[in-house]
Amino acid sequence: MKNRNCNTNDNLKLMSVIEKIRIYRLIIFLLVIPLMMISCEKEPGPGGKSTIYGKVLVKDYNATFTVLQETYYGPEIWVYLIYGDDRDYGDRIQTGFDGTWEFKYLRPGTYKVYAFSKDSTLQTVAPVPVIREVVVPDKKQDIEVPDLIIFN
């Protein structure tokens, strides 16, 4: 008889330990999941529902930049997008026939949009970037960027 009682008590103790382990695992799970969600904050980049768009305005000067010959919205000009603090562009697109460009499906964050221009100060023959910083404050935003004005 003593032996059966001992086994029953042992079984009850074992079940109690197993139940405590389950409760501890549940508590740990409930504490860890919110921490993981906080640490998984999305950075700027693709995967959202916002759009940044605008136009590239070209000012066409003579070789010495003394006479403005023509102003127009430039077709087939590359526009680049930098996500957050990245060092290089994450996406690029060519303007349409009317100088428009658009980057879709972006998450909230800070971006830089740029196109290359001739240097109107004649200090260099290398193309210089014309940069606009854009903040997407929330999801599902359509943000128009002021014209990127480049010289040709």
N, C-alpha and C. Protein backbone atom coordinates (compact mmCIF):
# COMPACT_ATOMS: atom_id res chain seq x y z
N MET A 1 0.81 -1.19 0.00
CA MET A 1 0.00 0.00 0.00
C MET A 1 0.86 1.27 0.00
N LYS A 2 1.87 1.25 0.82
CA LYS A 2 2.75 2.39 0.92
C LYS A 2 3.36 2.73 -0.44
N ASN A 3 3.70 1.75 -1.18
CA ASN A 3 4.33 1.92 -2.47
C ASN A 3 3.39 2.64 -3.46
N ARG A 4 2.11 2.24 -3.47
CA ARG A 4 1.15 2.88 -4.37
C ARG A 4 0.93 4.35 -3.98
N ASN A 5 0.83 4.61 -2.70
CA ASN A 5 0.66 5.98 -2.23
C ASN A 5 1.85 6.84 -2.65
N CYS A 6 3.01 6.26 -2.52
CA CYS A 6 4.24 6.96 -2.88
C CYS A 6 4.23 7.29 -4.38
N ASN A 7 3.82 6.34 -5.22
CA ASN A 7 3.76 6.56 -6.66
C ASN A 7 2.73 7.63 -7.00
N THR A 8 1.59 7.62 -6.33
CA THR A 8 0.55 8.60 -6.58
C THR A 8 1.04 9.99 -6.19
N ASN A 9 1.68 10.11 -5.07
CA ASN A 9 2.23 11.40 -4.64
C ASN A 9 3.31 11.88 -5.61
N ASP A 10 4.16 10.95 -6.02
CA ASP A 10 5.19 11.31 -6.99
C ASP A 10 4.58 11.79 -8.31
N ASN A 11 3.52 11.10 -8.75
CA ASN A 11 2.84 11.50 -9.99
C ASN A 11 2.21 12.88 -9.84
N LEU A 12 1.59 13.16 -8.69
CA LEU A 12 0.99 14.46 -8.45
C LEU A 12 2.06 15.55 -8.42
N LYS A 13 3.19 15.28 -7.80
CA LYS A 13 4.29 16.24 -7.75
C LYS A 13 4.83 16.50 -9.16
N LEU A 14 4.97 15.42 -9.95
CA LEU A 14 5.48 15.55 -11.31
C LEU A 14 4.52 16.38 -12.16
N MET A 15 3.20 16.12 -12.02
CA MET A 15 2.20 16.88 -12.78
C MET A 15 2.23 18.34 -12.35
N SER A 16 2.42 18.59 -11.06
CA SER A 16 2.50 19.96 -10.56
C SER A 16 3.71 20.68 -11.15
N VAL A 17 4.84 20.01 -11.22
CA VAL A 17 6.06 20.58 -11.79
C VAL A 17 5.86 20.88 -13.28
N ILE A 18 5.24 19.95 -13.98
CA ILE A 18 4.99 20.13 -15.42
C ILE A 18 4.05 21.33 -15.64
N GLU A 19 3.03 21.44 -14.80
CA GLU A 19 2.10 22.56 -14.91
C GLU A 19 2.80 23.90 -14.64
N LYS A 20 3.69 23.93 -13.65
CA LYS A 20 4.45 25.15 -13.36
C LYS A 20 5.35 25.53 -14.53
N ILE A 21 5.97 24.53 -15.14
CA ILE A 21 6.83 24.79 -16.30
C ILE A 21 6.01 25.39 -17.43
N ARG A 22 4.81 24.86 -17.67
CA ARG A 22 3.94 25.41 -18.72
C ARG A 22 3.57 26.86 -18.43
N ILE A 23 3.26 27.14 -17.17
CA ILE A 23 2.90 28.50 -16.79
C ILE A 23 4.09 29.44 -16.98
N TYR A 24 5.29 29.02 -16.56
CA TYR A 24 6.49 29.83 -16.75
C TYR A 24 6.76 30.09 -18.22
N ARG A 25 6.60 29.07 -19.04
CA ARG A 25 6.82 29.23 -20.48
C ARG A 25 5.82 30.24 -21.07
N LEU A 26 4.57 30.17 -20.63
CA LEU A 26 3.55 31.09 -21.10
C LEU A 26 3.90 32.52 -20.69
N ILE A 27 4.32 32.71 -19.44
CA ILE A 27 4.70 34.04 -18.96
C ILE A 27 5.87 34.58 -19.77
N ILE A 28 6.88 33.78 -19.97
CA ILE A 28 8.04 34.21 -20.76
C ILE A 28 7.62 34.57 -22.17
N PHE A 29 6.78 33.74 -22.77
CA PHE A 29 6.28 33.99 -24.12
C PHE A 29 5.55 35.33 -24.18
N LEU A 30 4.67 35.58 -23.21
CA LEU A 30 3.89 36.81 -23.20
C LEU A 30 4.76 38.04 -22.95
N LEU A 31 5.88 37.88 -22.27
CA LEU A 31 6.79 39.00 -22.04
C LEU A 31 7.72 39.25 -23.24
N VAL A 32 8.13 38.19 -23.91
CA VAL A 32 9.10 38.31 -25.00
C VAL A 32 8.45 38.83 -26.28
N ILE A 33 7.25 38.42 -26.60
CA ILE A 33 6.60 38.82 -27.85
C ILE A 33 6.47 40.34 -27.97
N PRO A 34 5.98 41.06 -26.94
CA PRO A 34 5.93 42.53 -27.10
C PRO A 34 7.32 43.15 -27.28
N LEU A 35 8.31 42.62 -26.62
CA LEU A 35 9.67 43.14 -26.79
C LEU A 35 10.16 42.92 -28.21
N MET A 36 9.83 41.78 -28.78
CA MET A 36 10.23 41.49 -30.16
C MET A 36 9.52 42.44 -31.12
N MET A 37 8.27 42.74 -30.85
CA MET A 37 7.52 43.63 -31.74
C MET A 37 8.08 45.04 -31.68
N ILE A 38 8.51 45.48 -30.52
CA ILE A 38 9.10 46.81 -30.38
C ILE A 38 10.42 46.87 -31.13
N SER A 39 11.23 45.83 -31.00
CA SER A 39 12.55 45.83 -31.63
C SER A 39 12.49 45.59 -33.13
N CYS A 40 11.35 45.20 -33.65
CA CYS A 40 11.21 44.92 -35.08
C CYS A 40 10.59 46.11 -35.82
N GLU A 41 10.84 47.31 -35.34
CA GLU A 41 10.31 48.48 -36.01
C GLU A 41 10.89 48.57 -37.41
N LYS A 42 10.02 48.81 -38.36
CA LYS A 42 10.43 48.84 -39.76
C LYS A 42 11.20 50.11 -40.07
N GLU A 43 12.25 49.97 -40.85
CA GLU A 43 13.05 51.11 -41.30
C GLU A 43 12.52 51.59 -42.64
N PRO A 44 12.92 52.78 -43.06
CA PRO A 44 12.49 53.26 -44.37
C PRO A 44 12.88 52.27 -45.47
N GLY A 45 12.02 52.18 -46.47
CA GLY A 45 12.31 51.29 -47.58
C GLY A 45 11.03 50.74 -48.19
N PRO A 46 11.18 49.77 -49.06
CA PRO A 46 10.01 49.20 -49.73
C PRO A 46 9.20 48.33 -48.78
N GLY A 47 7.94 48.14 -49.10
CA GLY A 47 7.08 47.27 -48.30
C GLY A 47 5.93 48.00 -47.65
N GLY A 48 5.78 49.28 -47.92
CA GLY A 48 4.70 50.06 -47.31
C GLY A 48 3.63 50.43 -48.31
N LYS A 49 2.87 51.46 -47.95
CA LYS A 49 1.75 51.88 -48.79
C LYS A 49 1.81 53.36 -49.16
N SER A 50 2.98 53.97 -48.98
CA SER A 50 3.13 55.39 -49.28
C SER A 50 3.82 55.60 -50.62
N THR A 51 3.66 56.81 -51.16
CA THR A 51 4.25 57.17 -52.45
C THR A 51 4.92 58.53 -52.34
N ILE A 52 6.09 58.64 -52.95
CA ILE A 52 6.79 59.92 -53.10
C ILE A 52 6.83 60.18 -54.60
N TYR A 53 6.46 61.40 -55.02
CA TYR A 53 6.44 61.70 -56.45
C TYR A 53 6.79 63.15 -56.71
N GLY A 54 7.13 63.46 -57.95
CA GLY A 54 7.47 64.82 -58.33
C GLY A 54 7.85 64.92 -59.79
N LYS A 55 8.55 66.02 -60.12
CA LYS A 55 8.99 66.27 -61.50
C LYS A 55 10.42 66.78 -61.49
N VAL A 56 11.09 66.60 -62.62
CA VAL A 56 12.42 67.17 -62.83
C VAL A 56 12.29 68.30 -63.84
N LEU A 57 12.64 69.51 -63.37
CA LEU A 57 12.61 70.69 -64.24
C LEU A 57 14.03 70.95 -64.73
N VAL A 58 14.18 71.04 -66.05
CA VAL A 58 15.49 71.27 -66.66
C VAL A 58 15.58 72.72 -67.10
N LYS A 59 16.67 73.37 -66.69
CA LYS A 59 16.98 74.71 -67.17
C LYS A 59 18.20 74.57 -68.07
N ASP A 60 17.97 74.81 -69.35
CA ASP A 60 19.00 74.61 -70.36
C ASP A 60 19.69 75.95 -70.65
N TYR A 61 20.96 76.05 -70.24
CA TYR A 61 21.75 77.27 -70.41
C TYR A 61 22.78 77.09 -71.52
N ASN A 62 23.35 78.21 -71.94
CA ASN A 62 24.48 78.13 -72.86
C ASN A 62 25.70 77.60 -72.09
N ALA A 63 26.82 77.41 -72.75
CA ALA A 63 27.99 76.77 -72.15
C ALA A 63 28.56 77.54 -70.96
N THR A 64 28.40 78.84 -70.92
CA THR A 64 28.96 79.65 -69.82
C THR A 64 27.91 79.98 -68.74
N PHE A 65 26.73 79.43 -68.88
CA PHE A 65 25.63 79.66 -67.93
C PHE A 65 25.28 81.14 -67.79
N THR A 66 25.31 81.84 -68.92
CA THR A 66 24.95 83.26 -68.89
C THR A 66 23.60 83.52 -69.56
N VAL A 67 23.18 82.59 -70.43
CA VAL A 67 21.91 82.77 -71.14
C VAL A 67 21.05 81.53 -70.96
N LEU A 68 19.85 81.72 -70.37
CA LEU A 68 18.88 80.64 -70.25
C LEU A 68 18.21 80.45 -71.60
N GLN A 69 18.43 79.28 -72.20
CA GLN A 69 17.90 79.03 -73.54
C GLN A 69 16.50 78.42 -73.52
N GLU A 70 16.26 77.54 -72.53
CA GLU A 70 14.97 76.85 -72.51
C GLU A 70 14.75 76.25 -71.13
N THR A 71 13.48 76.16 -70.72
CA THR A 71 13.09 75.49 -69.48
C THR A 71 12.00 74.48 -69.84
N TYR A 72 12.14 73.26 -69.35
CA TYR A 72 11.17 72.21 -69.66
C TYR A 72 11.27 71.09 -68.61
N TYR A 73 10.21 70.31 -68.51
CA TYR A 73 10.23 69.13 -67.64
C TYR A 73 10.92 68.01 -68.42
N GLY A 74 11.99 67.49 -67.83
CA GLY A 74 12.89 66.59 -68.55
C GLY A 74 12.44 65.13 -68.62
N PRO A 75 12.37 64.59 -69.83
CA PRO A 75 12.07 63.16 -69.99
C PRO A 75 13.34 62.32 -69.85
N GLU A 76 13.16 61.09 -69.47
CA GLU A 76 14.23 60.07 -69.40
C GLU A 76 15.44 60.51 -68.57
N ILE A 77 15.18 61.15 -67.44
CA ILE A 77 16.25 61.53 -66.51
C ILE A 77 16.18 60.60 -65.31
N TRP A 78 17.31 60.08 -64.89
CA TRP A 78 17.34 59.17 -63.75
C TRP A 78 17.13 59.94 -62.45
N VAL A 79 16.22 59.42 -61.63
CA VAL A 79 15.97 59.95 -60.29
C VAL A 79 16.25 58.80 -59.32
N TYR A 80 16.98 59.11 -58.25
CA TYR A 80 17.45 58.10 -57.30
C TYR A 80 16.79 58.30 -55.94
N LEU A 81 16.62 57.19 -55.20
CA LEU A 81 16.01 57.23 -53.88
C LEU A 81 16.92 56.53 -52.88
N ILE A 82 17.26 57.25 -51.79
CA ILE A 82 18.05 56.67 -50.71
C ILE A 82 17.11 56.42 -49.53
N TYR A 83 17.15 55.20 -48.98
CA TYR A 83 16.33 54.83 -47.83
C TYR A 83 17.04 55.23 -46.54
N GLY A 84 16.41 56.06 -45.72
CA GLY A 84 16.94 56.40 -44.40
C GLY A 84 18.36 56.90 -44.45
N ASP A 85 19.24 56.26 -43.65
CA ASP A 85 20.64 56.66 -43.55
C ASP A 85 21.56 55.84 -44.46
N ASP A 86 20.99 55.10 -45.40
CA ASP A 86 21.83 54.32 -46.30
C ASP A 86 22.83 55.21 -47.02
N ARG A 87 23.93 54.62 -47.42
CA ARG A 87 24.98 55.40 -48.10
C ARG A 87 24.79 55.46 -49.61
N ASP A 88 24.09 54.50 -50.15
CA ASP A 88 23.89 54.43 -51.60
C ASP A 88 22.39 54.36 -51.87
N TYR A 89 22.01 54.61 -53.11
CA TYR A 89 20.59 54.59 -53.44
C TYR A 89 20.04 53.17 -53.37
N GLY A 90 18.76 53.08 -53.01
CA GLY A 90 18.08 51.79 -52.92
C GLY A 90 17.19 51.53 -54.11
N ASP A 91 16.86 52.59 -54.85
CA ASP A 91 16.00 52.44 -56.01
C ASP A 91 16.26 53.63 -56.94
N ARG A 92 15.94 53.44 -58.21
CA ARG A 92 16.03 54.52 -59.18
C ARG A 92 14.99 54.30 -60.25
N ILE A 93 14.63 55.41 -60.90
CA ILE A 93 13.61 55.34 -61.95
C ILE A 93 13.88 56.48 -62.93
N GLN A 94 13.50 56.28 -64.18
CA GLN A 94 13.62 57.34 -65.17
C GLN A 94 12.31 58.12 -65.23
N THR A 95 12.45 59.43 -65.45
CA THR A 95 11.25 60.25 -65.57
C THR A 95 10.48 59.87 -66.83
N GLY A 96 9.19 60.17 -66.79
CA GLY A 96 8.34 59.94 -67.95
C GLY A 96 8.52 61.05 -68.98
N PHE A 97 7.72 61.00 -70.01
CA PHE A 97 7.84 61.98 -71.10
C PHE A 97 7.63 63.41 -70.62
N ASP A 98 6.91 63.57 -69.50
CA ASP A 98 6.60 64.91 -68.97
C ASP A 98 7.44 65.27 -67.74
N GLY A 99 8.50 64.51 -67.49
CA GLY A 99 9.40 64.80 -66.38
C GLY A 99 8.95 64.27 -65.03
N THR A 100 7.87 63.51 -65.00
CA THR A 100 7.36 62.99 -63.73
C THR A 100 8.09 61.72 -63.31
N TRP A 101 8.18 61.54 -62.01
CA TRP A 101 8.75 60.33 -61.42
C TRP A 101 7.93 59.97 -60.18
N GLU A 102 8.03 58.70 -59.77
CA GLU A 102 7.23 58.23 -58.64
C GLU A 102 7.86 56.98 -58.04
N PHE A 103 8.00 56.99 -56.72
CA PHE A 103 8.43 55.80 -55.99
C PHE A 103 7.27 55.35 -55.11
N LYS A 104 6.79 54.14 -55.36
CA LYS A 104 5.62 53.61 -54.66
C LYS A 104 6.02 52.60 -53.59
N TYR A 105 5.04 52.26 -52.77
CA TYR A 105 5.12 51.17 -51.78
C TYR A 105 6.24 51.39 -50.76
N LEU A 106 6.28 52.59 -50.18
CA LEU A 106 7.31 52.94 -49.21
C LEU A 106 6.73 52.93 -47.80
N ARG A 107 7.58 52.58 -46.84
CA ARG A 107 7.21 52.62 -45.43
C ARG A 107 7.48 54.02 -44.88
N PRO A 108 6.87 54.37 -43.73
CA PRO A 108 7.19 55.65 -43.10
C PRO A 108 8.68 55.76 -42.80
N GLY A 109 9.20 56.97 -42.90
CA GLY A 109 10.62 57.20 -42.63
C GLY A 109 11.13 58.39 -43.41
N THR A 110 12.44 58.58 -43.35
CA THR A 110 13.09 59.69 -44.05
C THR A 110 13.83 59.16 -45.28
N TYR A 111 13.67 59.86 -46.38
CA TYR A 111 14.26 59.46 -47.66
C TYR A 111 14.99 60.66 -48.25
N LYS A 112 15.89 60.37 -49.18
CA LYS A 112 16.52 61.41 -49.99
C LYS A 112 16.27 61.05 -51.45
N VAL A 113 15.81 62.05 -52.20
CA VAL A 113 15.56 61.90 -53.64
C VAL A 113 16.54 62.82 -54.34
N TYR A 114 17.16 62.32 -55.40
CA TYR A 114 18.09 63.20 -56.12
C TYR A 114 18.18 62.85 -57.59
N ALA A 115 18.62 63.87 -58.36
CA ALA A 115 18.94 63.73 -59.78
C ALA A 115 20.24 64.50 -60.00
N PHE A 116 20.93 64.16 -61.07
CA PHE A 116 22.21 64.82 -61.35
C PHE A 116 22.04 66.01 -62.29
N SER A 117 22.86 67.02 -62.05
CA SER A 117 22.81 68.26 -62.81
C SER A 117 24.22 68.67 -63.22
N LYS A 118 24.30 69.52 -64.24
CA LYS A 118 25.58 70.18 -64.51
C LYS A 118 25.83 71.20 -63.40
N ASP A 119 27.09 71.48 -63.14
CA ASP A 119 27.46 72.45 -62.12
C ASP A 119 27.35 73.86 -62.70
N SER A 120 26.37 74.62 -62.22
CA SER A 120 26.15 75.98 -62.76
C SER A 120 27.24 76.96 -62.33
N THR A 121 28.06 76.58 -61.35
CA THR A 121 29.16 77.47 -60.92
C THR A 121 30.41 77.24 -61.74
N LEU A 122 30.38 76.24 -62.60
CA LEU A 122 31.50 75.87 -63.47
C LEU A 122 32.76 75.48 -62.68
N GLN A 123 32.59 75.03 -61.45
CA GLN A 123 33.71 74.59 -60.61
C GLN A 123 34.18 73.19 -60.98
N THR A 124 33.28 72.40 -61.55
CA THR A 124 33.61 71.03 -61.92
C THR A 124 32.83 70.63 -63.16
N VAL A 125 33.38 69.69 -63.90
CA VAL A 125 32.64 69.14 -65.05
C VAL A 125 31.87 67.89 -64.63
N ALA A 126 32.12 67.43 -63.41
CA ALA A 126 31.41 66.25 -62.90
C ALA A 126 29.96 66.62 -62.58
N PRO A 127 29.04 65.69 -62.80
CA PRO A 127 27.65 65.96 -62.42
C PRO A 127 27.53 66.14 -60.90
N VAL A 128 26.65 67.04 -60.50
CA VAL A 128 26.42 67.27 -59.07
C VAL A 128 24.97 66.88 -58.73
N PRO A 129 24.77 66.29 -57.57
CA PRO A 129 23.41 65.87 -57.22
C PRO A 129 22.57 67.05 -56.71
N VAL A 130 21.31 67.05 -57.11
CA VAL A 130 20.32 67.97 -56.56
C VAL A 130 19.44 67.10 -55.67
N ILE A 131 19.52 67.37 -54.36
CA ILE A 131 18.93 66.46 -53.37
C ILE A 131 17.77 67.12 -52.64
N ARG A 132 16.72 66.35 -52.42
CA ARG A 132 15.59 66.77 -51.58
C ARG A 132 15.41 65.69 -50.51
N GLU A 133 15.30 66.12 -49.25
CA GLU A 133 14.98 65.18 -48.17
C GLU A 133 13.47 65.15 -48.01
N VAL A 134 12.93 63.95 -47.89
CA VAL A 134 11.48 63.76 -47.81
C VAL A 134 11.18 62.90 -46.58
N VAL A 135 10.20 63.33 -45.79
CA VAL A 135 9.77 62.56 -44.64
C VAL A 135 8.38 62.01 -44.92
N VAL A 136 8.26 60.69 -44.79
CA VAL A 136 6.95 60.03 -44.88
C VAL A 136 6.53 59.79 -43.43
N PRO A 137 5.59 60.59 -42.90
CA PRO A 137 5.29 60.52 -41.48
C PRO A 137 4.43 59.33 -41.06
N ASP A 138 3.66 58.79 -41.98
CA ASP A 138 2.71 57.75 -41.61
C ASP A 138 2.44 56.85 -42.81
N LYS A 139 1.70 55.79 -42.58
CA LYS A 139 1.33 54.87 -43.66
C LYS A 139 0.33 55.54 -44.59
N LYS A 140 0.27 55.05 -45.82
CA LYS A 140 -0.70 55.48 -46.82
C LYS A 140 -0.63 56.98 -47.11
N GLN A 141 0.56 57.49 -47.31
CA GLN A 141 0.77 58.91 -47.62
C GLN A 141 1.21 59.06 -49.07
N ASP A 142 0.69 60.09 -49.74
CA ASP A 142 1.16 60.49 -51.06
C ASP A 142 1.82 61.85 -50.88
N ILE A 143 3.15 61.87 -51.06
CA ILE A 143 3.90 63.09 -50.79
C ILE A 143 4.52 63.63 -52.08
N GLU A 144 4.13 64.86 -52.41
CA GLU A 144 4.68 65.52 -53.59
C GLU A 144 5.93 66.29 -53.19
N VAL A 145 6.98 66.05 -53.94
CA VAL A 145 8.27 66.71 -53.70
C VAL A 145 8.36 67.92 -54.63
N PRO A 146 8.84 69.06 -54.12
CA PRO A 146 9.04 70.21 -55.02
C PRO A 146 9.96 69.82 -56.18
N ASP A 147 9.82 70.50 -57.30
CA ASP A 147 10.60 70.18 -58.51
C ASP A 147 12.08 70.03 -58.19
N LEU A 148 12.67 68.99 -58.75
CA LEU A 148 14.14 68.86 -58.76
C LEU A 148 14.61 69.69 -59.95
N ILE A 149 15.28 70.81 -59.70
CA ILE A 149 15.69 71.71 -60.78
C ILE A 149 17.15 71.40 -61.12
N ILE A 150 17.36 70.96 -62.35
CA ILE A 150 18.71 70.64 -62.79
C ILE A 150 19.09 71.54 -63.97
N PHE A 151 20.38 71.67 -64.17
CA PHE A 151 20.90 72.49 -65.26
C PHE A 151 21.48 71.58 -66.33
N ASN A 152 21.30 72.02 -67.58
CA ASN A 152 21.80 71.25 -68.72
C ASN A 152 22.53 72.17 -69.67
